[in-house]
Amino acid sequence: MSPQAVQSHIVGVGSLLYLDLDHPAIPDDMKKELRFVKHVGNDVPVPARIDEVLHGTHLQHFAARCENHTAFHAVLACMLLYEMPESVVPHSDFCDIELQVWVGVRQVTSFKNKPKFSSRYLTVPTKTLVSLEKMTTAGMSLAIFESCLK
């Protein structure tokens, strides 16, 4: 690849990225309480019943409550970070450190009332990242969930 081609594929620090919720490297405690907040892509979620609201729906109920759920891939929004020391962010044991990136994830501490947020920092394998462009090419849209603390 030419230097120009490489440079066009560089993702900058601070970029918004998406984590694949089906990937086993995502910590289980982050996946316990996931709620749907929005969608990105060409498809619009259609509630299974006319009186149903999808915002705030738990991940495990999303398929039953969304008529066109097969058009969506569940993700968690994150931000790409600079490399951080292991004393601040422990490395994931899922793969070698050379294949990991540092990300920050916003977690909701109170979903029902006025939302309050905290940040969580972690390392994840690059394979956990989901590209909106690739999903759109595959005919899929993203269903973005937020990790909630109970």
C-alpha atoms as a PDB file:
ATOM      1  CA  MET A   1       0.000   0.000   0.000  1.00  0.00           C
ATOM      2  CA  SER A   2       1.156   3.491  -0.701  1.00  0.00           C
ATOM      3  CA  PRO A   3       1.618   5.995   2.168  1.00  0.00           C
ATOM      4  CA  GLN A   4      -1.453   7.890   0.915  1.00  0.00           C
ATOM      5  CA  ALA A   5      -3.575   4.732   1.026  1.00  0.00           C
ATOM      6  CA  VAL A   6      -2.412   3.946   4.553  1.00  0.00           C
ATOM      7  CA  GLN A   7      -3.049   7.511   5.709  1.00  0.00           C
ATOM      8  CA  SER A   8      -6.616   7.434   4.370  1.00  0.00           C
ATOM      9  CA  HIS A   9      -7.377   4.461   6.666  1.00  0.00           C
ATOM     10  CA  ILE A  10      -5.907   5.882   9.883  1.00  0.00           C
ATOM     11  CA  VAL A  11      -8.450   6.335  12.660  1.00  0.00           C
ATOM     12  CA  GLY A  12      -7.669   9.342  14.812  1.00  0.00           C
ATOM     13  CA  VAL A  13      -7.549   9.382  18.592  1.00  0.00           C
ATOM     14  CA  GLY A  14     -10.865  10.657  19.918  1.00  0.00           C
ATOM     15  CA  SER A  15     -12.824   9.053  17.060  1.00  0.00           C
ATOM     16  CA  LEU A  16     -16.200   7.538  17.841  1.00  0.00           C
ATOM     17  CA  LEU A  17     -16.120   3.790  17.248  1.00  0.00           C
ATOM     18  CA  TYR A  18     -18.460   0.877  17.885  1.00  0.00           C
ATOM     19  CA  LEU A  19     -17.805  -2.352  19.790  1.00  0.00           C
ATOM     20  CA  ASP A  20     -19.396  -5.613  18.667  1.00  0.00           C
ATOM     21  CA  LEU A  21     -21.526  -6.819  21.595  1.00  0.00           C
ATOM     22  CA  ASP A  22     -21.319 -10.403  20.305  1.00  0.00           C
ATOM     23  CA  HIS A  23     -17.524 -10.503  20.659  1.00  0.00           C
ATOM     24  CA  PRO A  24     -16.357 -12.593  23.650  1.00  0.00           C
ATOM     25  CA  ALA A  25     -13.690 -10.008  24.608  1.00  0.00           C
ATOM     26  CA  ILE A  26     -16.325  -7.521  25.814  1.00  0.00           C
ATOM     27  CA  PRO A  27     -16.451  -7.863  29.623  1.00  0.00           C
ATOM     28  CA  ASP A  28     -19.572  -9.627  30.894  1.00  0.00           C
ATOM     29  CA  ASP A  29     -20.331  -6.937  33.466  1.00  0.00           C
ATOM     30  CA  MET A  30     -20.636  -4.383  30.641  1.00  0.00           C
ATOM     31  CA  LYS A  31     -23.203  -6.577  28.870  1.00  0.00           C
ATOM     32  CA  LYS A  32     -25.488  -7.249  31.865  1.00  0.00           C
ATOM     33  CA  GLU A  33     -27.683  -4.188  31.549  1.00  0.00           C
ATOM     34  CA  LEU A  34     -27.784  -2.932  27.942  1.00  0.00           C
ATOM     35  CA  ARG A  35     -30.514  -0.586  26.722  1.00  0.00           C
ATOM     36  CA  PHE A  36     -31.289   0.555  23.183  1.00  0.00           C
ATOM     37  CA  VAL A  37     -30.729   4.300  22.676  1.00  0.00           C
ATOM     38  CA  LYS A  38     -30.536   4.934  18.904  1.00  0.00           C
ATOM     39  CA  HIS A  39     -29.827   3.524  15.468  1.00  0.00           C
ATOM     40  CA  VAL A  40     -27.329   4.462  12.773  1.00  0.00           C
ATOM     41  CA  GLY A  41     -27.592   3.446   9.141  1.00  0.00           C
ATOM     42  CA  ASN A  42     -30.219   3.157   6.433  1.00  0.00           C
ATOM     43  CA  ASP A  43     -32.795   1.139   8.374  1.00  0.00           C
ATOM     44  CA  VAL A  44     -35.236   2.501  10.944  1.00  0.00           C
ATOM     45  CA  PRO A  45     -36.344   0.176  13.769  1.00  0.00           C
ATOM     46  CA  VAL A  46     -40.038  -0.673  13.518  1.00  0.00           C
ATOM     47  CA  PRO A  47     -41.789  -1.517  16.811  1.00  0.00           C
ATOM     48  CA  ALA A  48     -43.607  -4.867  16.770  1.00  0.00           C
ATOM     49  CA  ARG A  49     -46.683  -3.155  18.265  1.00  0.00           C
ATOM     50  CA  ILE A  50     -47.886   0.332  17.503  1.00  0.00           C
ATOM     51  CA  ASP A  51     -47.972   1.360  21.181  1.00  0.00           C
ATOM     52  CA  GLU A  52     -44.435   0.092  21.879  1.00  0.00           C
ATOM     53  CA  VAL A  53     -41.440   2.381  22.435  1.00  0.00           C
ATOM     54  CA  LEU A  54     -38.051   0.920  21.581  1.00  0.00           C
ATOM     55  CA  HIS A  55     -35.875   3.494  23.377  1.00  0.00           C
ATOM     56  CA  GLY A  56     -34.685   1.926  26.620  1.00  0.00           C
ATOM     57  CA  THR A  57     -35.461  -1.640  25.540  1.00  0.00           C
ATOM     58  CA  HIS A  58     -33.110  -4.248  27.008  1.00  0.00           C
ATOM     59  CA  LEU A  59     -30.912  -6.080  24.510  1.00  0.00           C
ATOM     60  CA  GLN A  60     -32.534  -9.442  25.279  1.00  0.00           C
ATOM     61  CA  HIS A  61     -36.011  -8.002  24.480  1.00  0.00           C
ATOM     62  CA  PHE A  62     -34.976  -6.043  21.374  1.00  0.00           C
ATOM     63  CA  ALA A  63     -35.605  -8.897  18.900  1.00  0.00           C
ATOM     64  CA  ALA A  64     -39.134  -9.478  20.221  1.00  0.00           C
ATOM     65  CA  ARG A  65     -40.040  -5.774  20.295  1.00  0.00           C
ATOM     66  CA  CYS A  66     -38.458  -4.715  16.990  1.00  0.00           C
ATOM     67  CA  GLU A  67     -40.160  -6.098  13.884  1.00  0.00           C
ATOM     68  CA  ASN A  68     -37.101  -5.661  11.643  1.00  0.00           C
ATOM     69  CA  HIS A  69     -34.442  -6.577  14.238  1.00  0.00           C
ATOM     70  CA  THR A  70     -32.559  -8.735  11.714  1.00  0.00           C
ATOM     71  CA  ALA A  71     -31.541  -5.538   9.864  1.00  0.00           C
ATOM     72  CA  PHE A  72     -29.538  -4.387  12.903  1.00  0.00           C
ATOM     73  CA  HIS A  73     -26.290  -5.353  14.579  1.00  0.00           C
ATOM     74  CA  ALA A  74     -26.013  -4.579  18.311  1.00  0.00           C
ATOM     75  CA  VAL A  75     -23.072  -2.342  19.255  1.00  0.00           C
ATOM     76  CA  LEU A  76     -21.760  -0.218  22.096  1.00  0.00           C
ATOM     77  CA  ALA A  77     -20.367   3.249  21.312  1.00  0.00           C
ATOM     78  CA  CYS A  78     -16.822   3.990  22.454  1.00  0.00           C
ATOM     79  CA  MET A  79     -14.020   6.471  21.874  1.00  0.00           C
ATOM     80  CA  LEU A  80     -10.506   5.611  20.735  1.00  0.00           C
ATOM     81  CA  LEU A  81      -7.885   6.659  23.303  1.00  0.00           C
ATOM     82  CA  TYR A  82      -4.146   7.110  23.445  1.00  0.00           C
ATOM     83  CA  GLU A  83      -2.166   4.204  24.834  1.00  0.00           C
ATOM     84  CA  MET A  84      -2.565   4.167  28.596  1.00  0.00           C
ATOM     85  CA  PRO A  85      -0.347   2.592  31.276  1.00  0.00           C
ATOM     86  CA  GLU A  86      -1.368  -0.832  32.547  1.00  0.00           C
ATOM     87  CA  SER A  87      -1.718   0.602  36.059  1.00  0.00           C
ATOM     88  CA  VAL A  88      -4.621   2.700  34.734  1.00  0.00           C
ATOM     89  CA  VAL A  89      -6.096   0.306  32.184  1.00  0.00           C
ATOM     90  CA  PRO A  90      -5.264  -3.398  32.571  1.00  0.00           C
ATOM     91  CA  HIS A  91      -4.556  -5.186  29.318  1.00  0.00           C
ATOM     92  CA  SER A  92      -7.087  -7.689  28.081  1.00  0.00           C
ATOM     93  CA  ASP A  93      -6.049 -11.318  28.349  1.00  0.00           C
ATOM     94  CA  PHE A  94      -8.062 -12.101  25.238  1.00  0.00           C
ATOM     95  CA  CYS A  95      -5.168 -11.475  22.823  1.00  0.00           C
ATOM     96  CA  ASP A  96      -1.627 -10.060  22.520  1.00  0.00           C
ATOM     97  CA  ILE A  97      -1.120  -6.412  23.469  1.00  0.00           C
ATOM     98  CA  GLU A  98      -0.027  -5.619  19.883  1.00  0.00           C
ATOM     99  CA  LEU A  99      -3.555  -6.449  18.679  1.00  0.00           C
ATOM    100  CA  GLN A 100      -5.365  -4.279  21.246  1.00  0.00           C
ATOM    101  CA  VAL A 101      -6.622  -0.709  21.300  1.00  0.00           C
ATOM    102  CA  TRP A 102      -7.547   1.491  24.236  1.00  0.00           C
ATOM    103  CA  VAL A 103     -11.126   2.732  24.323  1.00  0.00           C
ATOM    104  CA  GLY A 104     -13.371   4.664  26.656  1.00  0.00           C
ATOM    105  CA  VAL A 105     -17.002   3.637  27.131  1.00  0.00           C
ATOM    106  CA  ARG A 106     -19.681   5.817  28.658  1.00  0.00           C
ATOM    107  CA  GLN A 107     -21.798   3.959  31.199  1.00  0.00           C
ATOM    108  CA  VAL A 108     -25.141   5.188  32.481  1.00  0.00           C
ATOM    109  CA  THR A 109     -25.460   5.253  36.269  1.00  0.00           C
ATOM    110  CA  SER A 110     -29.134   6.271  36.237  1.00  0.00           C
ATOM    111  CA  PHE A 111     -31.180   5.503  33.105  1.00  0.00           C
ATOM    112  CA  LYS A 112     -34.728   6.307  34.288  1.00  0.00           C
ATOM    113  CA  ASN A 113     -34.429   9.862  35.544  1.00  0.00           C
ATOM    114  CA  LYS A 114     -32.046  12.438  34.168  1.00  0.00           C
ATOM    115  CA  PRO A 115     -29.180  10.262  32.855  1.00  0.00           C
ATOM    116  CA  LYS A 116     -25.899  10.410  34.761  1.00  0.00           C
ATOM    117  CA  PHE A 117     -22.773   8.988  33.213  1.00  0.00           C
ATOM    118  CA  SER A 118     -19.419   7.601  34.220  1.00  0.00           C
ATOM    119  CA  SER A 119     -16.505   6.542  32.028  1.00  0.00           C
ATOM    120  CA  ARG A 120     -14.865   3.167  31.850  1.00  0.00           C
ATOM    121  CA  TYR A 121     -11.543   2.556  30.140  1.00  0.00           C
ATOM    122  CA  LEU A 122     -10.493  -0.796  28.727  1.00  0.00           C
ATOM    123  CA  THR A 123      -8.393  -2.498  26.117  1.00  0.00           C
ATOM    124  CA  VAL A 124     -10.107  -4.554  23.448  1.00  0.00           C
ATOM    125  CA  PRO A 125      -8.861  -6.519  20.440  1.00  0.00           C
ATOM    126  CA  THR A 126      -9.120  -4.608  17.171  1.00  0.00           C
ATOM    127  CA  LYS A 127     -11.503  -7.329  15.940  1.00  0.00           C
ATOM    128  CA  THR A 128     -14.168  -6.087  18.378  1.00  0.00           C
ATOM    129  CA  LEU A 129     -14.465  -2.819  16.432  1.00  0.00           C
ATOM    130  CA  VAL A 130     -17.366  -2.481  14.011  1.00  0.00           C
ATOM    131  CA  SER A 131     -17.225  -0.188  10.992  1.00  0.00           C
ATOM    132  CA  LEU A 132     -20.454   1.546   9.976  1.00  0.00           C
ATOM    133  CA  GLU A 133     -19.264   1.625   6.357  1.00  0.00           C
ATOM    134  CA  LYS A 134     -18.701  -2.138   6.233  1.00  0.00           C
ATOM    135  CA  MET A 135     -22.035  -2.848   7.907  1.00  0.00           C
ATOM    136  CA  THR A 136     -23.822  -0.550   5.444  1.00  0.00           C
ATOM    137  CA  THR A 137     -22.130  -2.363   2.542  1.00  0.00           C
ATOM    138  CA  ALA A 138     -23.391  -5.641   4.028  1.00  0.00           C
ATOM    139  CA  GLY A 139     -26.932  -4.205   4.180  1.00  0.00           C
ATOM    140  CA  MET A 140     -26.971  -3.841   7.973  1.00  0.00           C
ATOM    141  CA  SER A 141     -27.566  -0.899  10.284  1.00  0.00           C
ATOM    142  CA  LEU A 142     -26.319  -0.427  13.843  1.00  0.00           C
ATOM    143  CA  ALA A 143     -28.495  -0.624  16.955  1.00  0.00           C
ATOM    144  CA  ILE A 144     -26.581   1.350  19.569  1.00  0.00           C
ATOM    145  CA  PHE A 145     -26.996   0.259  23.173  1.00  0.00           C
ATOM    146  CA  GLU A 146     -25.742   1.860  26.355  1.00  0.00           C
ATOM    147  CA  SER A 147     -24.204  -0.063  29.213  1.00  0.00           C
ATOM    148  CA  CYS A 148     -26.074   0.750  32.395  1.00  0.00           C
ATOM    149  CA  LEU A 149     -24.880   0.326  35.948  1.00  0.00           C
ATOM    150  CA  LYS A 150     -27.501  -0.872  38.390  1.00  0.00           C
END
